[in-house]
Protein backbone atom coordinates (compact mmCIF):
# COMPACT_ATOMS: atom_id res chain seq x y z
CA UNK A 1 -13.81 2.86 50.50
CA UNK A 2 -16.35 3.37 47.69
CA UNK A 3 -15.30 5.48 44.72
CA UNK A 4 -16.81 6.50 41.44
CA UNK A 5 -14.36 6.20 38.58
CA UNK A 6 -14.68 8.05 35.28
CA UNK A 7 -12.60 8.36 32.16
CA UNK A 8 -12.43 11.87 30.71
CA UNK A 9 -11.71 13.27 27.27
CA UNK A 10 -11.34 16.87 26.12
CA UNK A 11 -11.47 18.16 22.58
CA UNK A 12 -12.29 21.25 20.53
CA UNK A 13 -13.95 22.16 17.26
CA UNK A 14 -14.83 25.40 15.49
CA UNK A 15 -18.27 26.16 14.10
CA UNK A 16 -20.74 28.95 13.47
CA UNK A 17 -24.17 29.28 15.04
CA UNK A 18 -26.72 31.96 15.87
CA UNK A 19 -29.79 32.72 17.98
CA UNK A 20 -32.01 34.80 15.68
CA UNK A 21 -34.82 35.13 18.22
CA UNK A 22 -32.56 36.30 21.08
CA UNK A 23 -34.77 38.53 23.26
CA UNK A 24 -31.88 40.19 25.16
CA UNK A 25 -30.84 43.55 23.74
CA UNK A 26 -27.53 43.55 25.64
CA UNK A 27 -26.41 40.54 23.56
CA UNK A 28 -28.22 41.43 20.30
CA UNK A 29 -25.16 40.27 18.33
CA UNK A 30 -26.05 36.64 19.10
CA UNK A 31 -28.83 36.99 16.51
CA UNK A 32 -26.26 37.07 13.70
CA UNK A 33 -24.15 34.06 12.73
CA UNK A 34 -20.91 34.05 14.74
CA UNK A 35 -17.96 31.66 15.12
CA UNK A 36 -16.74 29.98 18.27
CA UNK A 37 -14.08 27.54 19.23
CA UNK A 38 -16.16 25.03 21.20
CA UNK A 39 -14.47 23.18 24.06
CA UNK A 40 -15.94 19.77 24.84
CA UNK A 41 -15.35 17.63 27.92
CA UNK A 42 -16.94 14.19 28.22
CA UNK A 43 -16.95 11.60 31.02
CA UNK A 44 -17.94 7.94 31.21
CA UNK A 45 -18.31 5.92 34.39
CA UNK A 46 -16.04 2.86 34.51
CA UNK A 47 -16.26 -0.18 36.74
CA UNK A 48 -12.59 -0.67 37.64
CA UNK A 49 -9.27 1.14 37.60
CA UNK A 50 -7.78 -0.64 34.59
CA UNK A 51 -9.86 1.15 31.96
CA UNK A 52 -12.76 -0.97 30.92
CA UNK A 53 -13.25 1.88 28.43
CA UNK A 54 -10.20 3.27 26.66
CA UNK A 55 -10.17 7.08 26.65
CA UNK A 56 -8.00 7.33 23.53
CA UNK A 57 -10.53 5.21 21.62
CA UNK A 58 -13.44 7.29 22.94
CA UNK A 59 -11.70 10.54 21.96
CA UNK A 60 -11.05 9.26 18.43
CA UNK A 61 -14.76 8.39 18.07
CA UNK A 62 -15.90 11.79 19.35
CA UNK A 63 -13.37 13.65 17.18
CA UNK A 64 -14.51 11.72 14.10
CA UNK A 65 -18.15 12.67 14.76
CA UNK A 66 -17.22 16.32 15.30
CA UNK A 67 -15.07 16.45 12.15
CA UNK A 68 -17.69 14.73 10.02
CA UNK A 69 -20.70 16.68 11.32
CA UNK A 70 -19.91 19.96 13.08
CA UNK A 71 -16.34 21.15 12.44
CA UNK A 72 -16.30 24.33 10.33
CA UNK A 73 -20.02 24.14 9.67
CA UNK A 74 -22.97 26.43 10.20
CA UNK A 75 -24.94 24.78 13.02
CA UNK A 76 -27.93 27.11 12.83
CA UNK A 77 -29.73 27.54 16.15
CA UNK A 78 -27.83 24.69 17.86
CA UNK A 79 -26.96 25.80 21.41
CA UNK A 80 -24.29 24.43 23.75
CA UNK A 81 -27.09 22.65 25.62
CA UNK A 82 -28.32 21.02 22.41
CA UNK A 83 -24.81 19.95 21.44
CA UNK A 84 -24.21 18.52 24.90
CA UNK A 85 -27.44 16.50 24.83
CA UNK A 86 -26.62 15.12 21.38
CA UNK A 87 -23.12 14.05 22.41
CA UNK A 88 -24.37 12.58 25.70
CA UNK A 89 -26.90 10.40 23.90
CA UNK A 90 -24.80 9.53 20.86
CA UNK A 91 -21.82 8.35 22.92
CA UNK A 92 -23.72 7.09 25.98
CA UNK A 93 -21.69 9.43 28.19
CA UNK A 94 -22.44 10.33 31.80
CA UNK A 95 -21.39 13.97 31.50
CA UNK A 96 -20.76 16.46 28.69
CA UNK A 97 -19.79 20.11 28.82
CA UNK A 98 -19.69 22.39 25.79
CA UNK A 99 -18.14 25.83 26.26
CA UNK A 100 -17.89 28.70 23.80
CA UNK A 101 -14.29 29.92 23.55
CA UNK A 102 -13.63 28.16 26.88
CA UNK A 103 -15.56 30.90 28.71
CA UNK A 104 -19.29 30.21 28.92
CA UNK A 105 -21.27 27.10 28.20
CA UNK A 106 -23.45 24.28 29.39
CA UNK A 107 -23.12 21.02 31.29
CA UNK A 108 -25.32 18.00 30.73
CA UNK A 109 -25.49 15.05 33.16
CA UNK A 110 -27.09 11.64 32.84
């Protein structure tokens, strides 16, 4: 039987962003800088069931990038979609989700 196998990591980071040109009056508060705890899930396709990629190693790499670049910082207009695309490309992942406060967010697929 054919199966697709993926390794998965999950992590979080806090940061501040905003959407100054938000056209929706019901969420006007998104125009001002606001903090979120961002929840990130990433997946990589693997070729066999004995981890040709090590998920602990991948998580350490992702966490280092987040700590060095986004954790506790003002990210300006960077959206969940933008963050997901950046992480997907930077880490050659097959899937990334970025959720604000583990409620709403975006998914990006290769």
